[in-house]
Amino acid sequence: MNAKRGTLTETGVPATIFDILETHTTRRFTHDQIVLEVQRLRPDATDNTIRVATLRLARRHRIDRSYGPERGTLIAYFSLSERDYLRGEFGA
């Protein structure tokens, strides 16, 4: 489990998905698919910040399908290039 903490921008919009997370894990499905599972969201994460962060994640990494967000849990399945994965962007 990785702990990531970030700060929301002055407008309240998260810069990345990790800005709204307290803890998360990443699991590898196949050679090009990753699962991001959020155990706990930041207490100040609103439904709108969750939506914005999820959309940014989807746009940046070409998510094939995303489930959620349900309060407290967000599971996103997305394709990710090997280079990005190895770069450690997702704390994996």
N, C-alpha and C. Protein backbone atom coordinates (compact mmCIF):
# COMPACT_ATOMS: atom_id res chain seq x y z
N MET A 1 0.84 -1.18 0.00
CA MET A 1 0.00 0.00 0.00
C MET A 1 0.89 1.24 0.00
N ASN A 2 0.51 2.16 -0.81
CA ASN A 2 1.27 3.40 -0.90
C ASN A 2 0.46 4.53 -0.30
N ALA A 3 1.10 5.38 0.43
CA ALA A 3 0.43 6.56 0.95
C ALA A 3 0.86 7.75 0.10
N LYS A 4 -0.10 8.47 -0.40
CA LYS A 4 0.20 9.65 -1.21
C LYS A 4 -0.65 10.79 -0.67
N ARG A 5 -0.04 11.91 -0.50
CA ARG A 5 -0.77 13.09 -0.07
C ARG A 5 -0.41 14.24 -0.98
N GLY A 6 -1.40 14.99 -1.36
CA GLY A 6 -1.17 16.14 -2.20
C GLY A 6 -2.02 17.29 -1.71
N THR A 7 -1.96 18.38 -2.40
CA THR A 7 -2.80 19.51 -2.04
C THR A 7 -3.66 19.87 -3.23
N LEU A 8 -4.87 20.26 -2.95
CA LEU A 8 -5.74 20.71 -4.01
C LEU A 8 -5.30 22.10 -4.43
N THR A 9 -5.54 22.44 -5.68
CA THR A 9 -5.16 23.76 -6.15
C THR A 9 -6.03 24.80 -5.46
N GLU A 10 -5.70 26.04 -5.63
CA GLU A 10 -6.46 27.10 -4.97
C GLU A 10 -7.93 27.10 -5.38
N THR A 11 -8.20 26.63 -6.59
CA THR A 11 -9.59 26.57 -7.04
C THR A 11 -10.31 25.33 -6.55
N GLY A 12 -9.60 24.46 -5.86
CA GLY A 12 -10.20 23.24 -5.37
C GLY A 12 -10.17 22.11 -6.38
N VAL A 13 -9.54 22.33 -7.53
CA VAL A 13 -9.48 21.31 -8.57
C VAL A 13 -8.18 20.52 -8.39
N PRO A 14 -8.27 19.20 -8.34
CA PRO A 14 -7.05 18.41 -8.16
C PRO A 14 -6.17 18.45 -9.39
N ALA A 15 -4.87 18.56 -9.18
CA ALA A 15 -3.94 18.55 -10.30
C ALA A 15 -3.81 17.15 -10.87
N THR A 16 -3.80 16.15 -10.00
CA THR A 16 -3.73 14.77 -10.43
C THR A 16 -4.65 13.94 -9.55
N ILE A 17 -4.84 12.69 -9.95
CA ILE A 17 -5.69 11.79 -9.16
C ILE A 17 -5.13 11.63 -7.75
N PHE A 18 -3.82 11.72 -7.60
CA PHE A 18 -3.22 11.48 -6.30
C PHE A 18 -3.45 12.62 -5.31
N ASP A 19 -3.87 13.77 -5.82
CA ASP A 19 -4.14 14.89 -4.93
C ASP A 19 -5.39 14.67 -4.09
N ILE A 20 -6.19 13.66 -4.41
CA ILE A 20 -7.39 13.42 -3.60
C ILE A 20 -7.30 12.10 -2.84
N LEU A 21 -6.15 11.45 -2.88
CA LEU A 21 -6.03 10.13 -2.26
C LEU A 21 -5.29 10.20 -0.93
N GLU A 22 -5.73 9.38 -0.01
CA GLU A 22 -4.96 9.15 1.22
C GLU A 22 -4.10 7.91 1.03
N THR A 23 -4.71 6.81 0.63
CA THR A 23 -3.96 5.58 0.38
C THR A 23 -4.51 4.91 -0.88
N HIS A 24 -3.63 4.21 -1.56
CA HIS A 24 -4.06 3.50 -2.76
C HIS A 24 -3.11 2.34 -3.02
N THR A 25 -3.54 1.43 -3.85
CA THR A 25 -2.66 0.37 -4.31
C THR A 25 -2.77 0.31 -5.83
N THR A 26 -1.76 -0.21 -6.45
CA THR A 26 -1.81 -0.47 -7.89
C THR A 26 -1.50 -1.93 -8.10
N ARG A 27 -2.23 -2.55 -8.99
CA ARG A 27 -1.98 -3.94 -9.33
C ARG A 27 -1.85 -4.05 -10.83
N ARG A 28 -1.00 -4.93 -11.25
CA ARG A 28 -0.80 -5.14 -12.68
C ARG A 28 -1.71 -6.26 -13.14
N PHE A 29 -2.52 -6.01 -14.18
CA PHE A 29 -3.38 -7.05 -14.74
C PHE A 29 -2.66 -7.79 -15.85
N THR A 30 -2.31 -7.07 -16.88
CA THR A 30 -1.59 -7.65 -18.01
C THR A 30 -0.39 -6.76 -18.26
N HIS A 31 0.32 -7.00 -19.35
CA HIS A 31 1.52 -6.22 -19.63
C HIS A 31 1.22 -4.75 -19.85
N ASP A 32 -0.03 -4.42 -20.19
CA ASP A 32 -0.34 -3.01 -20.47
C ASP A 32 -1.56 -2.51 -19.73
N GLN A 33 -1.98 -3.21 -18.70
CA GLN A 33 -3.16 -2.75 -17.97
C GLN A 33 -2.87 -2.73 -16.48
N ILE A 34 -3.27 -1.64 -15.85
CA ILE A 34 -3.04 -1.42 -14.43
C ILE A 34 -4.38 -1.19 -13.76
N VAL A 35 -4.50 -1.59 -12.52
CA VAL A 35 -5.69 -1.28 -11.73
C VAL A 35 -5.26 -0.38 -10.59
N LEU A 36 -5.90 0.75 -10.49
CA LEU A 36 -5.68 1.67 -9.37
C LEU A 36 -6.87 1.51 -8.44
N GLU A 37 -6.61 1.10 -7.23
CA GLU A 37 -7.68 0.91 -6.26
C GLU A 37 -7.42 1.82 -5.08
N VAL A 38 -8.39 2.64 -4.78
CA VAL A 38 -8.26 3.63 -3.72
C VAL A 38 -8.90 3.08 -2.46
N GLN A 39 -8.13 3.01 -1.40
CA GLN A 39 -8.70 2.57 -0.13
C GLN A 39 -9.35 3.73 0.63
N ARG A 40 -8.75 4.89 0.54
CA ARG A 40 -9.28 6.01 1.32
C ARG A 40 -9.02 7.31 0.60
N LEU A 41 -10.06 8.11 0.48
CA LEU A 41 -9.94 9.43 -0.13
C LEU A 41 -9.63 10.45 0.96
N ARG A 42 -9.06 11.56 0.53
CA ARG A 42 -8.86 12.65 1.47
C ARG A 42 -10.21 13.12 1.99
N PRO A 43 -10.28 13.55 3.24
CA PRO A 43 -11.56 14.00 3.80
C PRO A 43 -12.14 15.20 3.06
N ASP A 44 -11.27 16.03 2.46
CA ASP A 44 -11.78 17.22 1.77
C ASP A 44 -12.09 16.96 0.29
N ALA A 45 -12.00 15.71 -0.15
CA ALA A 45 -12.31 15.40 -1.54
C ALA A 45 -13.83 15.41 -1.73
N THR A 46 -14.28 16.26 -2.62
CA THR A 46 -15.71 16.32 -2.92
C THR A 46 -16.01 15.46 -4.13
N ASP A 47 -17.29 15.24 -4.39
CA ASP A 47 -17.67 14.46 -5.56
C ASP A 47 -17.13 15.10 -6.83
N ASN A 48 -17.11 16.43 -6.87
CA ASN A 48 -16.61 17.12 -8.07
C ASN A 48 -15.11 16.93 -8.25
N THR A 49 -14.34 17.01 -7.17
CA THR A 49 -12.89 16.82 -7.31
C THR A 49 -12.58 15.38 -7.71
N ILE A 50 -13.36 14.43 -7.23
CA ILE A 50 -13.18 13.04 -7.62
C ILE A 50 -13.44 12.89 -9.11
N ARG A 51 -14.51 13.51 -9.58
CA ARG A 51 -14.88 13.42 -11.00
C ARG A 51 -13.80 14.04 -11.88
N VAL A 52 -13.33 15.23 -11.49
CA VAL A 52 -12.31 15.92 -12.29
C VAL A 52 -11.02 15.10 -12.33
N ALA A 53 -10.60 14.59 -11.19
CA ALA A 53 -9.37 13.81 -11.14
C ALA A 53 -9.49 12.54 -11.97
N THR A 54 -10.65 11.90 -11.91
CA THR A 54 -10.87 10.68 -12.69
C THR A 54 -10.83 10.99 -14.18
N LEU A 55 -11.45 12.09 -14.59
CA LEU A 55 -11.45 12.47 -16.00
C LEU A 55 -10.03 12.78 -16.47
N ARG A 56 -9.26 13.47 -15.65
CA ARG A 56 -7.88 13.78 -16.03
C ARG A 56 -7.05 12.52 -16.17
N LEU A 57 -7.25 11.59 -15.24
CA LEU A 57 -6.55 10.32 -15.32
C LEU A 57 -6.94 9.58 -16.60
N ALA A 58 -8.22 9.59 -16.92
CA ALA A 58 -8.70 8.91 -18.11
C ALA A 58 -8.12 9.52 -19.38
N ARG A 59 -8.11 10.85 -19.44
CA ARG A 59 -7.58 11.53 -20.61
C ARG A 59 -6.08 11.28 -20.78
N ARG A 60 -5.36 11.36 -19.69
CA ARG A 60 -3.91 11.26 -19.77
C ARG A 60 -3.44 9.85 -20.12
N HIS A 61 -4.14 8.86 -19.59
CA HIS A 61 -3.67 7.49 -19.77
C HIS A 61 -4.61 6.63 -20.60
N ARG A 62 -5.55 7.28 -21.27
CA ARG A 62 -6.46 6.57 -22.19
C ARG A 62 -7.12 5.38 -21.50
N ILE A 63 -7.84 5.67 -20.43
CA ILE A 63 -8.52 4.61 -19.70
C ILE A 63 -9.52 3.92 -20.62
N ASP A 64 -9.47 2.60 -20.61
CA ASP A 64 -10.43 1.82 -21.38
C ASP A 64 -11.80 1.84 -20.70
N ARG A 65 -11.80 1.64 -19.41
CA ARG A 65 -13.05 1.73 -18.66
C ARG A 65 -12.72 2.11 -17.22
N SER A 66 -13.61 2.84 -16.64
CA SER A 66 -13.42 3.32 -15.28
C SER A 66 -14.70 3.10 -14.51
N TYR A 67 -14.59 2.56 -13.31
CA TYR A 67 -15.76 2.29 -12.49
C TYR A 67 -15.72 3.20 -11.27
N GLY A 68 -16.85 3.76 -10.94
CA GLY A 68 -16.90 4.67 -9.80
C GLY A 68 -17.11 6.07 -10.31
N PRO A 69 -16.89 7.08 -9.55
CA PRO A 69 -16.42 6.91 -8.18
C PRO A 69 -17.56 6.73 -7.19
N GLU A 70 -17.41 5.78 -6.34
CA GLU A 70 -18.30 5.65 -5.21
C GLU A 70 -17.55 6.24 -4.04
N ARG A 71 -18.27 6.80 -3.12
CA ARG A 71 -17.60 7.46 -2.00
C ARG A 71 -16.71 6.49 -1.26
N GLY A 72 -15.43 6.79 -1.19
CA GLY A 72 -14.48 5.97 -0.46
C GLY A 72 -13.78 4.92 -1.29
N THR A 73 -14.31 4.64 -2.48
CA THR A 73 -13.69 3.62 -3.33
C THR A 73 -13.70 4.08 -4.77
N LEU A 74 -12.60 3.94 -5.41
CA LEU A 74 -12.48 4.24 -6.83
C LEU A 74 -11.59 3.18 -7.44
N ILE A 75 -12.12 2.47 -8.40
CA ILE A 75 -11.31 1.48 -9.09
C ILE A 75 -11.27 1.87 -10.55
N ALA A 76 -10.10 2.06 -11.09
CA ALA A 76 -9.95 2.45 -12.49
C ALA A 76 -9.07 1.44 -13.20
N TYR A 77 -9.57 0.93 -14.30
CA TYR A 77 -8.78 0.03 -15.14
C TYR A 77 -8.30 0.84 -16.32
N PHE A 78 -7.01 0.84 -16.58
CA PHE A 78 -6.54 1.64 -17.69
C PHE A 78 -5.28 1.06 -18.28
N SER A 79 -5.10 1.30 -19.55
CA SER A 79 -3.89 0.87 -20.23
C SER A 79 -2.80 1.88 -19.96
N LEU A 80 -1.60 1.40 -19.78
CA LEU A 80 -0.49 2.27 -19.42
C LEU A 80 0.75 1.73 -20.11
N SER A 81 1.48 2.60 -20.74
CA SER A 81 2.68 2.13 -21.44
C SER A 81 3.71 1.63 -20.44
N GLU A 82 4.52 0.71 -20.88
CA GLU A 82 5.57 0.15 -20.02
C GLU A 82 6.49 1.25 -19.49
N ARG A 83 6.79 2.22 -20.31
CA ARG A 83 7.69 3.30 -19.89
C ARG A 83 7.10 4.09 -18.73
N ASP A 84 5.81 4.43 -18.83
CA ASP A 84 5.17 5.16 -17.75
C ASP A 84 5.11 4.33 -16.48
N TYR A 85 4.81 3.07 -16.64
CA TYR A 85 4.74 2.19 -15.47
C TYR A 85 6.09 2.10 -14.77
N LEU A 86 7.13 1.89 -15.54
CA LEU A 86 8.46 1.76 -14.96
C LEU A 86 8.95 3.08 -14.38
N ARG A 87 8.44 4.18 -14.89
CA ARG A 87 8.83 5.49 -14.37
C ARG A 87 8.32 5.68 -12.95
N GLY A 88 7.36 4.85 -12.55
CA GLY A 88 6.88 4.89 -11.18
C GLY A 88 5.86 5.96 -10.91
N GLU A 89 5.24 6.46 -11.95
CA GLU A 89 4.28 7.54 -11.76
C GLU A 89 3.14 7.14 -10.84
N PHE A 90 2.82 5.85 -10.83
CA PHE A 90 1.69 5.40 -10.02
C PHE A 90 2.14 4.76 -8.72
N GLY A 91 3.36 4.99 -8.34
CA GLY A 91 3.84 4.50 -7.04
C GLY A 91 3.95 2.99 -6.98
N ALA A 92 3.90 2.34 -8.12
CA ALA A 92 3.94 0.87 -8.13
C ALA A 92 5.37 0.38 -8.20
